[in-house]
Amino acid sequence: MAPSSSKADKKGAADAAAWMFNVVTSVGIIIVNKALMATYGFSYATTLTGMHFATTTLMTGFLRWLGYIQSSHLPFPELLKFVLFANFSIVGMNVSLMWNSVGFYQIAKLTMIPVSCLLEVLFDKIRYSRDTKLSIGVVLLGVGVCTITDVSVNAKGFIAAFIAVWSTSLQQYYVHYLQRKYSLNSFNLLGHTAPAQAATLLVLGPFLDYWLTNKRIDTYDYSAVSVMFIVISCTIAVGTNLSQFICIGRFTAVTFQVLGHMKTILVLIMGFFFFGKDGLNLHVVLGMIIAVVGMIWYGNASSKPGGKERRSLSLPTSRPQKQSNLSESDEHDGKV
């Protein structure tokens, strides 16, 4: 009994640490990027993401050179599919934000949870209990009350949002799928995917950013402060990319999405401190409370027997990789 309890406590502590790592880096990069784009006019979001992955590539390469990351295998067709999903997600989100109202953009982001649930039901044979489904609905309601204001829809905006939602959901599902199927830890998977994403986004990013903003990155007036913010953004992005892979690997894409809305609430609260009471009125506070209640309910409901379980464990795995010195926990059973 004691060893089992100790193992559960250690896993719980590691899960909490992984989640806090993701929250801190995600909120941090939002603040830095807002300052970079709003204050210093660096509006080249796609190219900046390419810089993020280039920095992540340097980090994984350095750790592999030091011997902390063992060599691993990921078939090229799987890598190609992942990069397509991931890049369509990045571009789709940027285009959706440009072509849609903020309200419809937020609604589209909320639909990622039902889409991720559908992917798990179809491909992983996951079954959700009534309480788990209801708790997800409460989270969606709370975040919707917080963030949805004006809602207007147009045809091209709807198409962009549709592509963004499905590609993002597929990318996050694929992170979990690849880690399980090929016995890859987060460092291994990042080592395979980051270089490919960096290369494609750095090549295509300037053209996409010019199309989206009508501004060329080569004409941007760089200053010491703006370069410093770019470096800070790239540095934090290494942690954001790694923590996303760790969290999805430890949990699932659905849980990552549900708990991920805590970051939305934190950003709203920080906006209150930075911009005053205009950003935090009664209906926003009410939405936050509803969302937090839903998240607590989801955590409780999904962890109960039958709350969220796989009907059949038939996913094939390739030959196991040698364990990395920097690998996270290999706990794959009982993920919620």
Protein backbone atom coordinates (compact mmCIF):
# COMPACT_ATOMS: atom_id res chain seq x y z
CA MET A 1 0.00 0.00 0.00
CA ALA A 2 2.72 2.47 0.97
CA PRO A 3 4.85 2.02 -2.18
CA SER A 4 1.74 2.44 -4.36
CA SER A 5 0.73 5.58 -2.49
CA SER A 6 4.25 6.97 -2.76
CA LYS A 7 4.31 6.29 -6.52
CA ALA A 8 0.95 8.05 -6.96
CA ASP A 9 2.17 11.04 -4.93
CA LYS A 10 5.32 11.31 -7.05
CA LYS A 11 3.30 11.13 -10.27
CA GLY A 12 0.88 13.77 -8.96
CA ALA A 13 3.76 16.08 -8.05
CA ALA A 14 5.40 15.54 -11.46
CA ASP A 15 2.08 16.19 -13.24
CA ALA A 16 1.59 19.42 -11.28
CA ALA A 17 5.15 20.55 -12.01
CA ALA A 18 4.73 19.84 -15.75
CA TRP A 19 1.48 21.77 -15.81
CA MET A 20 2.89 24.77 -13.92
CA PHE A 21 5.87 24.77 -16.31
CA ASN A 22 3.45 25.05 -19.23
CA VAL A 23 1.30 27.73 -17.58
CA VAL A 24 4.26 29.94 -16.65
CA THR A 25 5.96 29.71 -20.06
CA SER A 26 2.69 30.11 -22.01
CA VAL A 27 1.53 33.16 -20.08
CA GLY A 28 5.06 34.58 -20.19
CA ILE A 29 5.33 34.29 -23.95
CA ILE A 30 1.90 35.92 -24.41
CA ILE A 31 3.01 38.94 -22.38
CA VAL A 32 6.37 39.23 -24.19
CA ASN A 33 4.80 38.82 -27.65
CA LYS A 34 2.09 41.39 -26.87
CA ALA A 35 4.79 43.89 -25.93
CA LEU A 36 6.86 43.00 -28.99
CA MET A 37 3.95 43.36 -31.42
CA ALA A 38 1.90 46.15 -29.84
CA THR A 39 4.68 48.36 -28.49
CA TYR A 40 7.49 47.70 -30.96
CA GLY A 41 5.43 46.89 -34.06
CA PHE A 42 6.98 43.48 -34.79
CA SER A 43 3.84 41.99 -36.37
CA TYR A 44 5.48 39.03 -38.13
CA ALA A 45 3.84 36.25 -36.09
CA THR A 46 4.53 33.34 -38.46
CA THR A 47 8.20 34.21 -38.91
CA LEU A 48 8.55 34.70 -35.14
CA THR A 49 7.17 31.19 -34.63
CA GLY A 50 9.82 29.93 -37.05
CA MET A 51 12.45 31.65 -34.90
CA HIS A 52 10.96 29.90 -31.86
CA PHE A 53 11.38 26.49 -33.44
CA ALA A 54 14.87 27.36 -34.68
CA THR A 55 15.86 28.16 -31.08
CA THR A 56 14.23 24.92 -29.90
CA THR A 57 16.21 23.04 -32.56
CA LEU A 58 19.46 24.53 -31.23
CA MET A 59 18.50 23.48 -27.70
CA THR A 60 17.72 19.87 -28.63
CA GLY A 61 20.87 19.68 -30.79
CA PHE A 62 23.01 20.96 -27.92
CA LEU A 63 21.50 18.46 -25.47
CA ARG A 64 22.03 15.62 -27.97
CA TRP A 65 25.67 16.70 -28.38
CA LEU A 66 26.07 16.58 -24.59
CA GLY A 67 24.63 13.06 -24.59
CA TYR A 68 21.47 13.87 -22.66
CA ILE A 69 19.20 12.91 -25.58
CA GLN A 70 19.56 9.42 -27.07
CA SER A 71 19.07 8.82 -30.78
CA SER A 72 15.54 7.78 -31.77
CA HIS A 73 13.53 6.98 -34.87
CA LEU A 74 10.46 8.66 -36.35
CA PRO A 75 9.41 7.56 -39.86
CA PHE A 76 9.43 10.39 -42.40
CA PRO A 77 5.73 9.99 -43.38
CA GLU A 78 4.76 10.44 -39.71
CA LEU A 79 7.01 13.50 -39.41
CA LEU A 80 5.55 14.97 -42.60
CA LYS A 81 1.97 14.55 -41.34
CA PHE A 82 2.83 16.13 -38.00
CA VAL A 83 4.54 19.14 -39.62
CA LEU A 84 1.57 19.65 -41.97
CA PHE A 85 -0.90 19.58 -39.06
CA ALA A 86 1.29 21.87 -36.92
CA ASN A 87 1.99 24.44 -39.64
CA PHE A 88 -1.63 24.54 -40.81
CA SER A 89 -2.52 25.13 -37.16
CA ILE A 90 -0.16 28.11 -36.83
CA VAL A 91 -1.13 29.71 -40.15
CA GLY A 92 -4.82 28.88 -39.69
CA MET A 93 -4.94 30.56 -36.29
CA ASN A 94 -3.25 33.70 -37.60
CA VAL A 95 -5.57 33.91 -40.63
CA SER A 96 -8.65 33.15 -38.52
CA LEU A 97 -7.80 36.00 -36.15
CA MET A 98 -7.38 38.36 -39.11
CA TRP A 99 -10.57 37.39 -40.99
CA ASN A 100 -12.94 36.84 -38.05
CA SER A 101 -14.31 38.94 -35.23
CA VAL A 102 -12.68 38.32 -31.85
CA GLY A 103 -15.91 36.69 -30.64
CA PHE A 104 -16.06 34.13 -33.44
CA TYR A 105 -12.31 33.49 -33.11
CA GLN A 106 -12.86 32.61 -29.42
CA ILE A 107 -15.83 30.37 -30.26
CA ALA A 108 -13.65 28.54 -32.80
CA LYS A 109 -10.95 28.00 -30.16
CA LEU A 110 -13.53 26.55 -27.78
CA THR A 111 -14.64 23.98 -30.36
CA MET A 112 -11.17 22.38 -30.18
CA ILE A 113 -12.24 20.50 -27.04
CA PRO A 114 -15.22 18.72 -28.67
CA VAL A 115 -13.09 18.00 -31.76
CA SER A 116 -10.29 16.57 -29.58
CA CYS A 117 -12.88 14.44 -27.75
CA LEU A 118 -14.15 13.15 -31.11
CA LEU A 119 -10.62 12.19 -32.19
CA GLU A 120 -10.05 10.26 -28.95
CA VAL A 121 -13.42 8.49 -29.29
CA LEU A 122 -12.75 7.53 -32.93
CA PHE A 123 -9.07 6.58 -32.78
CA ASP A 124 -8.38 5.67 -29.14
CA LYS A 125 -11.82 4.22 -28.33
CA ILE A 126 -12.08 6.51 -25.30
CA ARG A 127 -15.39 6.53 -23.44
CA TYR A 128 -16.45 9.56 -21.36
CA SER A 129 -18.83 9.40 -18.41
CA ARG A 130 -21.83 11.73 -18.17
CA ASP A 131 -20.13 13.82 -15.46
CA THR A 132 -16.97 14.21 -17.55
CA LYS A 133 -19.00 15.42 -20.54
CA LEU A 134 -21.00 17.83 -18.39
CA SER A 135 -17.84 19.22 -16.75
CA ILE A 136 -16.35 19.93 -20.19
CA GLY A 137 -19.56 21.76 -21.07
CA VAL A 138 -19.27 23.89 -17.91
CA VAL A 139 -15.67 24.82 -18.80
CA LEU A 140 -16.74 25.82 -22.32
CA LEU A 141 -19.62 27.88 -20.92
CA GLY A 142 -17.40 29.69 -18.42
CA VAL A 143 -14.65 30.53 -20.91
CA GLY A 144 -17.29 31.58 -23.43
CA VAL A 145 -18.83 34.02 -20.96
CA CYS A 146 -15.33 35.41 -20.25
CA THR A 147 -14.13 35.90 -23.78
CA ILE A 148 -16.95 36.04 -26.33
CA THR A 149 -18.18 39.54 -27.16
CA ASP A 150 -19.08 40.50 -30.72
CA VAL A 151 -19.77 37.59 -33.05
CA SER A 152 -19.86 38.00 -36.81
CA VAL A 153 -19.22 35.27 -39.37
CA ASN A 154 -18.14 35.37 -43.01
CA ALA A 155 -17.44 32.53 -45.42
CA LYS A 156 -13.64 32.84 -45.71
CA GLY A 157 -13.31 33.44 -41.96
CA PHE A 158 -15.34 30.30 -41.25
CA ILE A 159 -13.13 28.23 -43.58
CA ALA A 160 -9.96 29.58 -41.90
CA ALA A 161 -11.37 28.82 -38.44
CA PHE A 162 -12.42 25.31 -39.53
CA ILE A 163 -8.90 24.55 -40.82
CA ALA A 164 -7.33 26.05 -37.68
CA VAL A 165 -9.50 24.03 -35.28
CA TRP A 166 -9.05 20.68 -36.99
CA SER A 167 -5.33 21.07 -37.68
CA THR A 168 -4.64 22.16 -34.09
CA SER A 169 -6.68 19.29 -32.67
CA LEU A 170 -4.96 16.79 -34.97
CA GLN A 171 -1.52 18.18 -34.09
CA GLN A 172 -2.15 17.86 -30.36
CA TYR A 173 -3.63 14.38 -30.76
CA TYR A 174 -0.62 13.39 -32.85
CA VAL A 175 1.83 14.50 -30.13
CA HIS A 176 0.28 11.94 -27.77
CA TYR A 177 -0.04 9.31 -30.51
CA LEU A 178 3.58 9.51 -31.67
CA GLN A 179 4.98 9.44 -28.14
CA ARG A 180 3.06 6.26 -27.39
CA LYS A 181 3.51 4.48 -30.71
CA TYR A 182 7.26 5.09 -31.09
CA SER A 183 8.16 5.22 -27.38
CA LEU A 184 9.44 8.78 -27.75
CA ASN A 185 9.81 11.17 -24.85
CA SER A 186 9.20 14.89 -25.27
CA PHE A 187 12.86 15.74 -25.99
CA ASN A 188 13.08 13.04 -28.69
CA LEU A 189 9.88 14.18 -30.39
CA LEU A 190 10.92 17.84 -30.31
CA GLY A 191 14.29 16.86 -31.75
CA HIS A 192 12.51 15.36 -34.77
CA THR A 193 9.79 17.97 -35.32
CA ALA A 194 11.38 21.32 -34.39
CA PRO A 195 13.97 21.40 -37.24
CA ALA A 196 11.32 20.62 -39.87
CA GLN A 197 8.94 23.27 -38.49
CA ALA A 198 11.72 25.84 -38.21
CA ALA A 199 12.81 25.29 -41.81
CA THR A 200 9.32 25.51 -43.30
CA LEU A 201 8.16 28.48 -41.21
CA LEU A 202 11.34 30.52 -41.74
CA VAL A 203 11.02 30.02 -45.50
CA LEU A 204 7.26 30.56 -45.80
CA GLY A 205 6.79 32.89 -42.82
CA PRO A 206 7.96 36.18 -44.39
CA PHE A 207 5.64 35.67 -47.38
CA LEU A 208 2.66 34.75 -45.19
CA ASP A 209 3.30 37.67 -42.85
CA TYR A 210 3.49 40.06 -45.81
CA TRP A 211 0.18 38.66 -47.09
CA LEU A 212 -1.43 39.04 -43.64
CA THR A 213 -0.01 42.44 -42.63
CA ASN A 214 1.23 44.02 -45.88
CA LYS A 215 4.57 44.57 -44.10
CA ARG A 216 7.94 43.11 -45.07
CA ILE A 217 10.17 41.79 -42.32
CA ASP A 218 13.31 43.00 -44.10
CA THR A 219 12.06 46.60 -43.79
CA TYR A 220 11.44 46.40 -40.04
CA ASP A 221 13.40 48.98 -38.04
CA TYR A 222 15.20 46.82 -35.50
CA SER A 223 16.34 48.37 -32.23
CA ALA A 224 18.32 46.99 -29.31
CA VAL A 225 15.12 46.71 -27.23
CA SER A 226 13.07 44.98 -29.93
CA VAL A 227 15.89 42.49 -30.56
CA MET A 228 16.06 41.85 -26.82
CA PHE A 229 12.33 41.08 -26.77
CA ILE A 230 12.73 38.74 -29.78
CA VAL A 231 15.52 36.87 -27.94
CA ILE A 232 13.41 36.65 -24.76
CA SER A 233 10.42 35.41 -26.78
CA CYS A 234 12.54 32.70 -28.45
CA THR A 235 14.03 31.64 -25.12
CA ILE A 236 10.64 31.29 -23.42
CA ALA A 237 9.29 29.49 -26.51
CA VAL A 238 11.74 26.63 -25.90
CA GLY A 239 10.02 26.02 -22.57
CA THR A 240 6.55 26.47 -24.09
CA ASN A 241 7.21 23.93 -26.87
CA LEU A 242 8.77 21.42 -24.49
CA SER A 243 6.11 21.80 -21.81
CA GLN A 244 3.32 21.29 -24.37
CA PHE A 245 4.83 17.98 -25.45
CA ILE A 246 5.42 16.94 -21.82
CA CYS A 247 1.85 17.78 -20.77
CA ILE A 248 0.15 16.11 -23.75
CA GLY A 249 2.41 13.09 -23.28
CA ARG A 250 1.56 12.82 -19.59
CA PHE A 251 -2.15 13.57 -20.00
CA THR A 252 -4.11 13.68 -23.28
CA ALA A 253 -4.96 16.38 -25.82
CA VAL A 254 -8.44 16.84 -24.30
CA THR A 255 -7.14 17.35 -20.76
CA PHE A 256 -4.48 19.71 -22.14
CA GLN A 257 -7.24 21.74 -23.81
CA VAL A 258 -9.52 21.78 -20.75
CA LEU A 259 -6.81 22.80 -18.30
CA GLY A 260 -5.34 25.10 -20.93
CA HIS A 261 -8.22 27.50 -20.44
CA MET A 262 -6.77 28.27 -17.02
CA LYS A 263 -4.15 30.19 -18.99
CA THR A 264 -6.94 32.22 -20.62
CA ILE A 265 -8.24 33.14 -17.17
CA LEU A 266 -4.75 34.06 -15.93
CA VAL A 267 -4.21 36.30 -18.97
CA LEU A 268 -7.54 38.06 -18.25
CA ILE A 269 -6.58 38.55 -14.60
CA MET A 270 -3.16 39.91 -15.56
CA GLY A 271 -4.88 42.22 -18.03
CA PHE A 272 -6.88 43.59 -15.10
CA PHE A 273 -3.69 44.41 -13.21
CA PHE A 274 -1.99 45.93 -16.26
CA PHE A 275 -4.93 47.77 -17.86
CA GLY A 276 -7.30 48.47 -14.97
CA LYS A 277 -10.85 47.50 -14.12
CA ASP A 278 -12.18 47.96 -17.66
CA GLY A 279 -10.90 44.47 -18.54
CA LEU A 280 -12.56 42.73 -15.58
CA ASN A 281 -16.30 43.37 -15.25
CA LEU A 282 -19.01 41.31 -13.55
CA HIS A 283 -19.76 38.93 -16.42
CA VAL A 284 -16.03 38.20 -16.91
CA VAL A 285 -15.65 37.38 -13.20
CA LEU A 286 -18.76 35.18 -13.38
CA GLY A 287 -17.33 33.37 -16.41
CA MET A 288 -14.02 32.78 -14.61
CA ILE A 289 -15.80 31.26 -11.62
CA ILE A 290 -17.89 28.98 -13.85
CA ALA A 291 -14.78 27.87 -15.80
CA VAL A 292 -12.76 27.11 -12.65
CA VAL A 293 -15.66 25.10 -11.19
CA GLY A 294 -15.83 23.17 -14.47
CA MET A 295 -12.08 22.46 -14.43
CA ILE A 296 -12.22 21.17 -10.85
CA TRP A 297 -15.26 19.05 -11.73
CA TYR A 298 -13.48 17.70 -14.85
CA GLY A 299 -10.38 16.75 -12.85
CA ASN A 300 -12.52 14.92 -10.30
CA ALA A 301 -14.90 13.27 -12.80
CA SER A 302 -12.26 12.12 -15.28
CA SER A 303 -10.08 10.58 -12.56
CA LYS A 304 -12.89 8.43 -11.18
CA PRO A 305 -13.28 4.82 -12.43
CA GLY A 306 -15.22 5.00 -15.69
CA GLY A 307 -14.85 8.77 -15.91
CA LYS A 308 -12.61 8.53 -18.95
CA GLU A 309 -11.37 5.13 -20.04
CA ARG A 310 -10.11 3.35 -23.11
CA ARG A 311 -12.38 0.54 -24.27
CA SER A 312 -9.53 -1.38 -25.90
CA LEU A 313 -5.78 -0.86 -25.75
CA SER A 314 -4.81 -1.89 -29.26
CA LEU A 315 -2.36 0.81 -30.27
CA PRO A 316 0.77 -0.88 -31.70
CA THR A 317 4.13 0.31 -30.52
CA SER A 318 7.39 0.20 -32.40
CA ARG A 319 10.57 -1.12 -30.87
CA PRO A 320 11.30 0.72 -27.62
CA GLN A 321 13.87 3.49 -27.73
CA LYS A 322 16.80 3.69 -25.36
CA GLN A 323 15.86 5.79 -22.37
CA SER A 324 17.09 9.38 -22.41
CA ASN A 325 18.80 10.83 -19.38
CA LEU A 326 16.34 13.74 -19.61
CA SER A 327 13.19 11.69 -20.12
CA GLU A 328 10.06 12.45 -18.20
CA SER A 329 8.01 9.79 -16.43
CA ASP A 330 6.94 6.85 -18.55
CA GLU A 331 3.57 6.67 -16.81
CA HIS A 332 1.12 6.09 -19.66
CA ASP A 333 -1.58 4.20 -17.78
CA GLY A 334 -4.54 5.97 -16.29
CA LYS A 335 -4.04 9.18 -18.24
CA VAL A 336 -6.78 11.73 -17.86
